[in-house]
């Protein structure tokens, strides 16, 4: 099954993550299809803007733990580092896209899905969107890129607690451009993209390049270059929680391990998180 659906409306390419039965979780195959589709859109002179969404009720609930086995090292460290570096470079191409990308998010937008949306230029969110970076609850590190988008204390709250928050909070933090009724999400995101398609292409590209250079001067490039190593170190660092999670996963399955992780703090909204993270 095609993991990324591609359609065209006038001068707007619409890409949709297509694993609704798995909450559109990410894995290497999804990344490969997504970046190939993006490259094709970048190269097509008729495409002036891009919309990225998720099929079904959710945008993306993160990376597929069942496929990646992020809780246990299965490959040599060097191979993991190289793979993560390639993934990070590919993700950075979204942020460096010469054409505007609008993320249309609904339902779960967590972990790697939240990161993917934040690489896009704009975010239109449905009122029912659930945002969050729950990596800390799985003994993993979240991408510090969030520090460039929200105040430090809010970034710490989001990444160090690993709790979820809603679309209204995301709008107050400046993380999204619009919050719309769920049934209007696709139409509103396409309307946003059409507005962008009318901006002179060269002017858009040059203005965005200047903005990107400012972020580079503030250290964004350093953050991108170090995250692969830091993430691998976090995977290799054994903790009691990680050992218990792995034990439960091996003996009782992934669902049991994730239920145990959530049960450690049942008072917060993270109890509704799906079975995924990065």
C-alpha atoms as a PDB file:
ATOM      1  CA  UNK A   1       0.000   0.000   0.000  1.00  0.00           C
ATOM      2  CA  UNK A   2       1.200   3.496  -0.845  1.00  0.00           C
ATOM      3  CA  UNK A   3       2.257   5.114   2.401  1.00  0.00           C
ATOM      4  CA  UNK A   4       2.053   8.684   1.092  1.00  0.00           C
ATOM      5  CA  UNK A   5      -0.836   9.745  -1.144  1.00  0.00           C
ATOM      6  CA  UNK A   6      -0.122  12.494  -3.688  1.00  0.00           C
ATOM      7  CA  UNK A   7      -2.796  14.643  -5.337  1.00  0.00           C
ATOM      8  CA  UNK A   8      -2.788  17.985  -7.178  1.00  0.00           C
ATOM      9  CA  UNK A   9      -5.270  20.833  -7.027  1.00  0.00           C
ATOM     10  CA  UNK A  10      -4.357  23.650  -9.358  1.00  0.00           C
ATOM     11  CA  UNK A  11      -0.897  24.768  -8.199  1.00  0.00           C
ATOM     12  CA  UNK A  12      -1.009  23.003  -4.819  1.00  0.00           C
ATOM     13  CA  UNK A  13       0.335  19.486  -4.209  1.00  0.00           C
ATOM     14  CA  UNK A  14      -1.379  17.633  -1.360  1.00  0.00           C
ATOM     15  CA  UNK A  15       0.653  14.928   0.401  1.00  0.00           C
ATOM     16  CA  UNK A  16      -1.121  12.685   2.902  1.00  0.00           C
ATOM     17  CA  UNK A  17       0.495  10.168   5.239  1.00  0.00           C
ATOM     18  CA  UNK A  18      -1.458   6.997   4.522  1.00  0.00           C
ATOM     19  CA  UNK A  19      -1.340   4.609   7.473  1.00  0.00           C
ATOM     20  CA  UNK A  20      -4.616   5.525   9.197  1.00  0.00           C
ATOM     21  CA  UNK A  21      -4.928   2.094  10.803  1.00  0.00           C
ATOM     22  CA  UNK A  22      -1.616   2.809  12.592  1.00  0.00           C
ATOM     23  CA  UNK A  23      -2.348   6.487  13.359  1.00  0.00           C
ATOM     24  CA  UNK A  24      -0.026   7.401  10.451  1.00  0.00           C
ATOM     25  CA  UNK A  25       3.087   6.492  12.417  1.00  0.00           C
ATOM     26  CA  UNK A  26       6.440   7.022  10.734  1.00  0.00           C
ATOM     27  CA  UNK A  27       8.972   4.402   9.703  1.00  0.00           C
ATOM     28  CA  UNK A  28      11.849   4.346   7.164  1.00  0.00           C
ATOM     29  CA  UNK A  29       9.494   3.394   4.311  1.00  0.00           C
ATOM     30  CA  UNK A  30       7.188   6.338   5.063  1.00  0.00           C
ATOM     31  CA  UNK A  31      10.141   8.715   5.210  1.00  0.00           C
ATOM     32  CA  UNK A  32      11.441   7.425   1.862  1.00  0.00           C
ATOM     33  CA  UNK A  33       8.090   7.941   0.121  1.00  0.00           C
ATOM     34  CA  UNK A  34       7.517  11.317   1.760  1.00  0.00           C
ATOM     35  CA  UNK A  35      10.877  12.780   0.811  1.00  0.00           C
ATOM     36  CA  UNK A  36      10.607  11.412  -2.748  1.00  0.00           C
ATOM     37  CA  UNK A  37       7.201  13.077  -3.106  1.00  0.00           C
ATOM     38  CA  UNK A  38       8.551  16.333  -1.700  1.00  0.00           C
ATOM     39  CA  UNK A  39      11.515  16.282  -4.087  1.00  0.00           C
ATOM     40  CA  UNK A  40       9.112  15.813  -7.003  1.00  0.00           C
ATOM     41  CA  UNK A  41       7.011  18.759  -5.824  1.00  0.00           C
ATOM     42  CA  UNK A  42      10.088  20.947  -5.411  1.00  0.00           C
ATOM     43  CA  UNK A  43      11.197  20.129  -8.970  1.00  0.00           C
ATOM     44  CA  UNK A  44       7.791  20.727 -10.595  1.00  0.00           C
ATOM     45  CA  UNK A  45       7.576  24.343 -11.819  1.00  0.00           C
ATOM     46  CA  UNK A  46       3.767  24.126 -11.818  1.00  0.00           C
ATOM     47  CA  UNK A  47       3.654  23.478  -8.065  1.00  0.00           C
ATOM     48  CA  UNK A  48       3.601  26.677  -6.020  1.00  0.00           C
ATOM     49  CA  UNK A  49       2.669  25.328  -2.564  1.00  0.00           C
ATOM     50  CA  UNK A  50       2.387  22.035  -0.648  1.00  0.00           C
ATOM     51  CA  UNK A  51      -0.087  20.757   1.956  1.00  0.00           C
ATOM     52  CA  UNK A  52       0.950  17.895   4.251  1.00  0.00           C
ATOM     53  CA  UNK A  53      -1.747  16.009   6.162  1.00  0.00           C
ATOM     54  CA  UNK A  54      -2.610  12.563   7.515  1.00  0.00           C
ATOM     55  CA  UNK A  55      -5.290  10.191   6.260  1.00  0.00           C
ATOM     56  CA  UNK A  56      -8.089   9.377   8.676  1.00  0.00           C
ATOM     57  CA  UNK A  57      -8.606  10.907  12.099  1.00  0.00           C
ATOM     58  CA  UNK A  58      -4.981  11.662  13.011  1.00  0.00           C
ATOM     59  CA  UNK A  59      -2.064  13.563  11.521  1.00  0.00           C
ATOM     60  CA  UNK A  60       0.778  11.453  12.904  1.00  0.00           C
ATOM     61  CA  UNK A  61       1.351   9.820  16.283  1.00  0.00           C
ATOM     62  CA  UNK A  62       5.132   9.657  15.984  1.00  0.00           C
ATOM     63  CA  UNK A  63       7.629   6.997  15.025  1.00  0.00           C
ATOM     64  CA  UNK A  64       6.543   3.365  14.876  1.00  0.00           C
ATOM     65  CA  UNK A  65       8.059   1.766  17.966  1.00  0.00           C
ATOM     66  CA  UNK A  66       7.068  -1.663  16.769  1.00  0.00           C
ATOM     67  CA  UNK A  67       9.112  -1.244  13.599  1.00  0.00           C
ATOM     68  CA  UNK A  68      12.063   0.730  14.927  1.00  0.00           C
ATOM     69  CA  UNK A  69      12.573  -0.937  18.329  1.00  0.00           C
ATOM     70  CA  UNK A  70      13.774   2.358  19.755  1.00  0.00           C
ATOM     71  CA  UNK A  71      14.048   0.839  23.200  1.00  0.00           C
ATOM     72  CA  UNK A  72      16.743  -1.681  22.320  1.00  0.00           C
ATOM     73  CA  UNK A  73      19.827  -1.426  20.150  1.00  0.00           C
ATOM     74  CA  UNK A  74      19.574  -3.787  17.196  1.00  0.00           C
ATOM     75  CA  UNK A  75      22.188  -2.268  14.896  1.00  0.00           C
ATOM     76  CA  UNK A  76      25.830  -1.263  15.384  1.00  0.00           C
ATOM     77  CA  UNK A  77      26.094   2.209  16.894  1.00  0.00           C
ATOM     78  CA  UNK A  78      27.822   3.624  13.821  1.00  0.00           C
ATOM     79  CA  UNK A  79      25.074   2.339  11.529  1.00  0.00           C
ATOM     80  CA  UNK A  80      22.440   3.901  13.795  1.00  0.00           C
ATOM     81  CA  UNK A  81      24.267   7.220  13.804  1.00  0.00           C
ATOM     82  CA  UNK A  82      24.553   7.230  10.012  1.00  0.00           C
ATOM     83  CA  UNK A  83      20.871   6.379   9.637  1.00  0.00           C
ATOM     84  CA  UNK A  84      19.813   9.089  12.065  1.00  0.00           C
ATOM     85  CA  UNK A  85      22.072  11.621  10.338  1.00  0.00           C
ATOM     86  CA  UNK A  86      20.480  10.844   6.961  1.00  0.00           C
ATOM     87  CA  UNK A  87      17.015  11.174   8.485  1.00  0.00           C
ATOM     88  CA  UNK A  88      17.877  14.505  10.092  1.00  0.00           C
ATOM     89  CA  UNK A  89      19.292  15.841   6.816  1.00  0.00           C
ATOM     90  CA  UNK A  90      16.129  14.810   4.996  1.00  0.00           C
ATOM     91  CA  UNK A  91      13.916  16.445   7.638  1.00  0.00           C
ATOM     92  CA  UNK A  92      15.944  19.634   7.330  1.00  0.00           C
ATOM     93  CA  UNK A  93      15.051  19.802   3.628  1.00  0.00           C
ATOM     94  CA  UNK A  94      11.448  20.414   4.702  1.00  0.00           C
ATOM     95  CA  UNK A  95      12.525  23.446   6.685  1.00  0.00           C
ATOM     96  CA  UNK A  96      14.654  24.567   3.726  1.00  0.00           C
ATOM     97  CA  UNK A  97      11.928  23.926   1.139  1.00  0.00           C
ATOM     98  CA  UNK A  98      11.939  26.530  -1.650  1.00  0.00           C
ATOM     99  CA  UNK A  99       8.140  26.276  -1.702  1.00  0.00           C
ATOM    100  CA  UNK A 100       5.722  26.927   1.165  1.00  0.00           C
ATOM    101  CA  UNK A 101       4.565  23.851   3.088  1.00  0.00           C
ATOM    102  CA  UNK A 102       1.381  23.932   5.161  1.00  0.00           C
ATOM    103  CA  UNK A 103       0.834  21.160   7.710  1.00  0.00           C
ATOM    104  CA  UNK A 104      -2.857  20.321   8.203  1.00  0.00           C
ATOM    105  CA  UNK A 105      -3.050  18.504  11.536  1.00  0.00           C
ATOM    106  CA  UNK A 106      -5.845  16.803  13.463  1.00  0.00           C
ATOM    107  CA  UNK A 107      -6.105  14.203  16.202  1.00  0.00           C
ATOM    108  CA  UNK A 108      -2.718  13.017  17.398  1.00  0.00           C
ATOM    109  CA  UNK A 109       0.281  15.166  16.461  1.00  0.00           C
ATOM    110  CA  UNK A 110       2.889  13.646  18.760  1.00  0.00           C
ATOM    111  CA  UNK A 111       6.615  12.953  18.963  1.00  0.00           C
ATOM    112  CA  UNK A 112       8.031  12.624  15.470  1.00  0.00           C
ATOM    113  CA  UNK A 113       4.698  13.787  14.052  1.00  0.00           C
ATOM    114  CA  UNK A 114       4.885  16.992  16.104  1.00  0.00           C
ATOM    115  CA  UNK A 115       8.458  17.451  14.917  1.00  0.00           C
ATOM    116  CA  UNK A 116       7.432  16.866  11.291  1.00  0.00           C
ATOM    117  CA  UNK A 117       4.715  19.517  11.546  1.00  0.00           C
ATOM    118  CA  UNK A 118       7.149  21.975  13.118  1.00  0.00           C
ATOM    119  CA  UNK A 119       9.514  21.635  10.163  1.00  0.00           C
ATOM    120  CA  UNK A 120       6.728  22.925   7.907  1.00  0.00           C
ATOM    121  CA  UNK A 121       6.386  26.653   7.296  1.00  0.00           C
ATOM    122  CA  UNK A 122       2.814  26.909   8.554  1.00  0.00           C
ATOM    123  CA  UNK A 123       0.411  24.803  10.623  1.00  0.00           C
ATOM    124  CA  UNK A 124      -3.376  24.779  10.380  1.00  0.00           C
ATOM    125  CA  UNK A 125      -4.784  22.721  13.253  1.00  0.00           C
ATOM    126  CA  UNK A 126      -8.195  21.188  13.827  1.00  0.00           C
ATOM    127  CA  UNK A 127      -9.808  21.975  17.165  1.00  0.00           C
ATOM    128  CA  UNK A 128      -9.417  18.331  18.214  1.00  0.00           C
ATOM    129  CA  UNK A 129      -5.651  18.186  17.701  1.00  0.00           C
ATOM    130  CA  UNK A 130      -3.598  16.691  20.540  1.00  0.00           C
ATOM    131  CA  UNK A 131       0.008  17.919  20.540  1.00  0.00           C
ATOM    132  CA  UNK A 132       2.925  16.635  22.587  1.00  0.00           C
ATOM    133  CA  UNK A 133       6.457  15.293  22.794  1.00  0.00           C
ATOM    134  CA  UNK A 134       6.232  12.183  25.012  1.00  0.00           C
ATOM    135  CA  UNK A 135       9.771  10.960  24.272  1.00  0.00           C
ATOM    136  CA  UNK A 136      10.970  11.548  27.837  1.00  0.00           C
ATOM    137  CA  UNK A 137       8.472   8.943  29.041  1.00  0.00           C
ATOM    138  CA  UNK A 138      10.219   6.345  26.899  1.00  0.00           C
ATOM    139  CA  UNK A 139      13.743   7.324  28.036  1.00  0.00           C
ATOM    140  CA  UNK A 140      14.390   9.125  24.749  1.00  0.00           C
ATOM    141  CA  UNK A 141      15.286  12.733  23.980  1.00  0.00           C
ATOM    142  CA  UNK A 142      13.033  15.078  22.026  1.00  0.00           C
ATOM    143  CA  UNK A 143      14.398  17.377  19.339  1.00  0.00           C
ATOM    144  CA  UNK A 144      15.437  20.718  20.947  1.00  0.00           C
ATOM    145  CA  UNK A 145      14.255  22.576  17.840  1.00  0.00           C
ATOM    146  CA  UNK A 146      11.168  23.496  19.882  1.00  0.00           C
ATOM    147  CA  UNK A 147      13.316  26.026  21.766  1.00  0.00           C
ATOM    148  CA  UNK A 148      13.247  28.235  18.677  1.00  0.00           C
ATOM    149  CA  UNK A 149       9.455  28.396  18.605  1.00  0.00           C
ATOM    150  CA  UNK A 150       8.285  28.812  22.213  1.00  0.00           C
ATOM    151  CA  UNK A 151       9.709  30.400  25.392  1.00  0.00           C
ATOM    152  CA  UNK A 152      12.273  28.318  27.273  1.00  0.00           C
ATOM    153  CA  UNK A 153      10.061  27.473  30.249  1.00  0.00           C
ATOM    154  CA  UNK A 154       7.231  26.308  27.997  1.00  0.00           C
ATOM    155  CA  UNK A 155       9.661  24.203  25.956  1.00  0.00           C
ATOM    156  CA  UNK A 156      10.864  22.592  29.186  1.00  0.00           C
ATOM    157  CA  UNK A 157       7.284  21.958  30.282  1.00  0.00           C
ATOM    158  CA  UNK A 158       6.430  20.281  26.979  1.00  0.00           C
ATOM    159  CA  UNK A 159       9.577  18.174  26.644  1.00  0.00           C
ATOM    160  CA  UNK A 160      10.443  17.345  30.260  1.00  0.00           C
ATOM    161  CA  UNK A 161       6.916  16.434  31.367  1.00  0.00           C
ATOM    162  CA  UNK A 162       5.986  14.714  28.130  1.00  0.00           C
ATOM    163  CA  UNK A 163       2.336  15.677  28.583  1.00  0.00           C
ATOM    164  CA  UNK A 164      -0.115  16.523  25.831  1.00  0.00           C
ATOM    165  CA  UNK A 165      -1.838  19.845  25.123  1.00  0.00           C
ATOM    166  CA  UNK A 166      -4.613  21.006  22.844  1.00  0.00           C
ATOM    167  CA  UNK A 167      -4.958  23.207  19.789  1.00  0.00           C
ATOM    168  CA  UNK A 168      -6.045  26.268  21.784  1.00  0.00           C
ATOM    169  CA  UNK A 169      -2.859  26.089  23.875  1.00  0.00           C
ATOM    170  CA  UNK A 170      -0.782  25.593  20.724  1.00  0.00           C
ATOM    171  CA  UNK A 171      -2.318  28.710  19.213  1.00  0.00           C
ATOM    172  CA  UNK A 172      -1.607  30.740  22.363  1.00  0.00           C
ATOM    173  CA  UNK A 173       2.027  29.603  22.204  1.00  0.00           C
ATOM    174  CA  UNK A 174       2.286  30.634  18.557  1.00  0.00           C
ATOM    175  CA  UNK A 175       2.895  27.058  17.401  1.00  0.00           C
ATOM    176  CA  UNK A 176       0.025  27.110  14.889  1.00  0.00           C
ATOM    177  CA  UNK A 177      -1.282  29.712  12.462  1.00  0.00           C
ATOM    178  CA  UNK A 178      -4.972  28.825  12.572  1.00  0.00           C
ATOM    179  CA  UNK A 179      -7.303  26.614  14.617  1.00  0.00           C
ATOM    180  CA  UNK A 180     -10.360  25.493  12.676  1.00  0.00           C
ATOM    181  CA  UNK A 181     -13.299  23.074  13.066  1.00  0.00           C
ATOM    182  CA  UNK A 182     -12.187  19.526  12.243  1.00  0.00           C
ATOM    183  CA  UNK A 183     -14.644  19.206   9.365  1.00  0.00           C
ATOM    184  CA  UNK A 184     -13.162  22.323   7.719  1.00  0.00           C
ATOM    185  CA  UNK A 185      -9.486  21.405   8.124  1.00  0.00           C
ATOM    186  CA  UNK A 186      -8.644  20.289   4.587  1.00  0.00           C
ATOM    187  CA  UNK A 187     -10.517  23.148   2.908  1.00  0.00           C
ATOM    188  CA  UNK A 188      -8.972  25.758   5.218  1.00  0.00           C
ATOM    189  CA  UNK A 189      -5.462  24.363   4.752  1.00  0.00           C
ATOM    190  CA  UNK A 190      -5.896  24.339   0.970  1.00  0.00           C
ATOM    191  CA  UNK A 191      -7.189  27.924   1.088  1.00  0.00           C
ATOM    192  CA  UNK A 192      -4.108  28.922   3.094  1.00  0.00           C
ATOM    193  CA  UNK A 193      -1.876  27.193   0.527  1.00  0.00           C
ATOM    194  CA  UNK A 194      -3.644  28.924  -2.370  1.00  0.00           C
ATOM    195  CA  UNK A 195      -2.975  32.294  -0.746  1.00  0.00           C
ATOM    196  CA  UNK A 196       0.691  31.339  -0.561  1.00  0.00           C
ATOM    197  CA  UNK A 197       0.703  30.174  -4.179  1.00  0.00           C
ATOM    198  CA  UNK A 198      -0.113  33.723  -5.246  1.00  0.00           C
ATOM    199  CA  UNK A 199       3.002  35.146  -3.572  1.00  0.00           C
ATOM    200  CA  UNK A 200       5.809  35.678  -6.136  1.00  0.00           C
ATOM    201  CA  UNK A 201       7.869  32.475  -5.943  1.00  0.00           C
ATOM    202  CA  UNK A 202      11.300  34.099  -6.019  1.00  0.00           C
ATOM    203  CA  UNK A 203      10.314  36.660  -3.404  1.00  0.00           C
ATOM    204  CA  UNK A 204       9.031  33.919  -1.122  1.00  0.00           C
ATOM    205  CA  UNK A 205      12.192  31.851  -1.549  1.00  0.00           C
ATOM    206  CA  UNK A 206      14.573  34.747  -0.910  1.00  0.00           C
ATOM    207  CA  UNK A 207      12.638  36.015   2.112  1.00  0.00           C
ATOM    208  CA  UNK A 208      12.505  32.541   3.635  1.00  0.00           C
ATOM    209  CA  UNK A 209      16.240  32.108   2.999  1.00  0.00           C
ATOM    210  CA  UNK A 210      16.951  35.282   4.962  1.00  0.00           C
ATOM    211  CA  UNK A 211      14.809  34.028   7.844  1.00  0.00           C
ATOM    212  CA  UNK A 212      16.638  30.693   7.766  1.00  0.00           C
ATOM    213  CA  UNK A 213      19.992  32.460   7.909  1.00  0.00           C
ATOM    214  CA  UNK A 214      18.886  34.308  11.035  1.00  0.00           C
ATOM    215  CA  UNK A 215      18.041  30.956  12.657  1.00  0.00           C
ATOM    216  CA  UNK A 216      21.440  29.638  11.576  1.00  0.00           C
ATOM    217  CA  UNK A 217      23.105  32.614  13.285  1.00  0.00           C
ATOM    218  CA  UNK A 218      21.153  31.719  16.434  1.00  0.00           C
ATOM    219  CA  UNK A 219      22.604  28.208  16.415  1.00  0.00           C
ATOM    220  CA  UNK A 220      19.933  26.180  14.617  1.00  0.00           C
ATOM    221  CA  UNK A 221      22.547  24.473  12.442  1.00  0.00           C
ATOM    222  CA  UNK A 222      24.540  23.392  15.492  1.00  0.00           C
ATOM    223  CA  UNK A 223      21.405  21.917  17.050  1.00  0.00           C
ATOM    224  CA  UNK A 224      20.655  19.955  13.872  1.00  0.00           C
ATOM    225  CA  UNK A 225      24.205  18.604  13.672  1.00  0.00           C
ATOM    226  CA  UNK A 226      24.373  17.420  17.284  1.00  0.00           C
ATOM    227  CA  UNK A 227      20.956  15.797  17.652  1.00  0.00           C
ATOM    228  CA  UNK A 228      21.908  12.529  15.916  1.00  0.00           C
ATOM    229  CA  UNK A 229      24.709  11.850  18.381  1.00  0.00           C
ATOM    230  CA  UNK A 230      22.639  12.907  21.386  1.00  0.00           C
ATOM    231  CA  UNK A 231      19.739  10.692  20.361  1.00  0.00           C
ATOM    232  CA  UNK A 232      21.995   7.653  19.917  1.00  0.00           C
ATOM    233  CA  UNK A 233      23.574   8.295  23.330  1.00  0.00           C
ATOM    234  CA  UNK A 234      20.110   8.410  24.891  1.00  0.00           C
ATOM    235  CA  UNK A 235      19.294   5.041  23.310  1.00  0.00           C
ATOM    236  CA  UNK A 236      22.500   3.505  24.634  1.00  0.00           C
ATOM    237  CA  UNK A 237      22.106   4.836  28.176  1.00  0.00           C
ATOM    238  CA  UNK A 238      20.524   2.077  30.251  1.00  0.00           C
ATOM    239  CA  UNK A 239      18.028   3.116  32.924  1.00  0.00           C
ATOM    240  CA  UNK A 240      15.772   1.171  35.264  1.00  0.00           C
ATOM    241  CA  UNK A 241      12.700   2.431  33.396  1.00  0.00           C
ATOM    242  CA  UNK A 242      14.132   1.437  30.041  1.00  0.00           C
ATOM    243  CA  UNK A 243      15.078  -2.008  31.303  1.00  0.00           C
ATOM    244  CA  UNK A 244      11.559  -2.534  32.683  1.00  0.00           C
ATOM    245  CA  UNK A 245       9.961  -1.264  29.469  1.00  0.00           C
ATOM    246  CA  UNK A 246      12.090  -3.653  27.401  1.00  0.00           C
ATOM    247  CA  UNK A 247      11.318  -6.565  29.728  1.00  0.00           C
ATOM    248  CA  UNK A 248       7.571  -5.969  29.448  1.00  0.00           C
ATOM    249  CA  UNK A 249       7.806  -5.537  25.711  1.00  0.00           C
ATOM    250  CA  UNK A 250       9.673  -8.805  25.252  1.00  0.00           C
ATOM    251  CA  UNK A 251       7.457 -10.822  27.606  1.00  0.00           C
ATOM    252  CA  UNK A 252       4.012  -9.233  27.247  1.00  0.00           C
ATOM    253  CA  UNK A 253       4.169  -7.144  24.076  1.00  0.00           C
ATOM    254  CA  UNK A 254       4.345  -3.472  23.152  1.00  0.00           C
ATOM    255  CA  UNK A 255       0.845  -2.578  24.355  1.00  0.00           C
ATOM    256  CA  UNK A 256       1.601  -3.851  27.860  1.00  0.00           C
ATOM    257  CA  UNK A 257       4.884  -1.942  27.982  1.00  0.00           C
ATOM    258  CA  UNK A 258       3.222   1.297  26.893  1.00  0.00           C
ATOM    259  CA  UNK A 259       0.360   0.802  29.353  1.00  0.00           C
ATOM    260  CA  UNK A 260       2.918   0.414  32.138  1.00  0.00           C
ATOM    261  CA  UNK A 261       4.697   3.596  31.046  1.00  0.00           C
ATOM    262  CA  UNK A 262       1.442   5.581  31.071  1.00  0.00           C
ATOM    263  CA  UNK A 263       0.303   4.104  34.399  1.00  0.00           C
ATOM    264  CA  UNK A 264       3.293   5.645  36.180  1.00  0.00           C
ATOM    265  CA  UNK A 265       1.485   8.980  36.061  1.00  0.00           C
ATOM    266  CA  UNK A 266      -2.199   8.462  35.418  1.00  0.00           C
ATOM    267  CA  UNK A 267      -3.196  11.944  36.609  1.00  0.00           C
ATOM    268  CA  UNK A 268      -2.145  13.795  33.472  1.00  0.00           C
ATOM    269  CA  UNK A 269      -3.628  14.016  29.961  1.00  0.00           C
ATOM    270  CA  UNK A 270      -0.850  11.809  28.625  1.00  0.00           C
ATOM    271  CA  UNK A 271      -2.995   8.812  29.587  1.00  0.00           C
ATOM    272  CA  UNK A 272      -4.631   9.156  26.198  1.00  0.00           C
ATOM    273  CA  UNK A 273      -1.388   8.892  24.240  1.00  0.00           C
ATOM    274  CA  UNK A 274      -1.225   6.242  21.510  1.00  0.00           C
ATOM    275  CA  UNK A 275       1.392   3.513  21.260  1.00  0.00           C
ATOM    276  CA  UNK A 276       4.122   5.549  19.624  1.00  0.00           C
ATOM    277  CA  UNK A 277       6.739   8.196  20.248  1.00  0.00           C
ATOM    278  CA  UNK A 278       9.495   9.646  18.035  1.00  0.00           C
END
